[in-house]
Amino acid sequence: MLKTGNFKKCPILLGANRDEGSYFMVYAQGNEKTPGNAIPD
């Protein structure tokens, strides 16, 4: 199948999820619903 090229050509997304948690921390600030005393000063 690969030799003949008999497959659907489509875009592929490549990457790693190493920094996935820090991405959401940056973009989610202000949207979370936490009590005022949940985050220490």
Protein backbone atom coordinates (compact mmCIF):
# COMPACT_ATOMS: atom_id res chain seq x y z
CA MET A 1 0.00 0.00 0.00
CA LEU A 2 2.79 2.47 0.84
CA LYS A 3 4.82 1.52 -2.23
CA THR A 4 1.91 2.13 -4.59
CA GLY A 5 0.73 5.28 -2.78
CA ASN A 6 -2.76 3.83 -2.43
CA PHE A 7 -3.82 5.74 0.68
CA LYS A 8 -5.56 8.99 1.52
CA LYS A 9 -3.10 11.86 1.90
CA CYS A 10 -3.98 14.14 4.80
CA PRO A 11 -2.19 16.54 7.14
CA ILE A 12 -0.58 15.02 10.23
CA LEU A 13 -0.18 16.74 13.59
CA LEU A 14 3.02 15.77 15.41
CA GLY A 15 4.22 16.79 18.84
CA ALA A 16 4.64 15.87 22.48
CA ASN A 17 2.62 16.63 25.57
CA ARG A 18 5.63 17.42 27.78
CA ASP A 19 4.56 21.04 28.42
CA GLU A 20 0.82 20.50 28.16
CA GLY A 21 0.11 21.26 31.82
CA SER A 22 1.95 24.58 31.81
CA TYR A 23 0.09 25.60 28.63
CA PHE A 24 -3.25 25.21 30.37
CA MET A 25 -2.02 27.00 33.49
CA VAL A 26 -1.14 30.09 31.44
CA TYR A 27 -4.34 30.22 29.42
CA ALA A 28 -6.76 29.18 32.18
CA GLN A 29 -5.84 31.89 34.70
CA GLY A 30 -8.87 33.84 35.79
CA ASN A 31 -11.33 31.27 34.48
CA GLU A 32 -11.14 28.85 37.39
CA LYS A 33 -13.61 29.02 40.24
CA THR A 34 -11.60 28.67 43.45
CA PRO A 35 -12.42 29.94 46.93
CA GLY A 36 -10.44 32.97 48.06
CA ASN A 37 -8.46 30.97 50.63
CA ALA A 38 -7.54 28.09 48.26
CA ILE A 39 -4.45 29.91 46.96
CA PRO A 40 -2.06 31.08 49.71
CA ASP A 41 -0.46 34.54 49.53
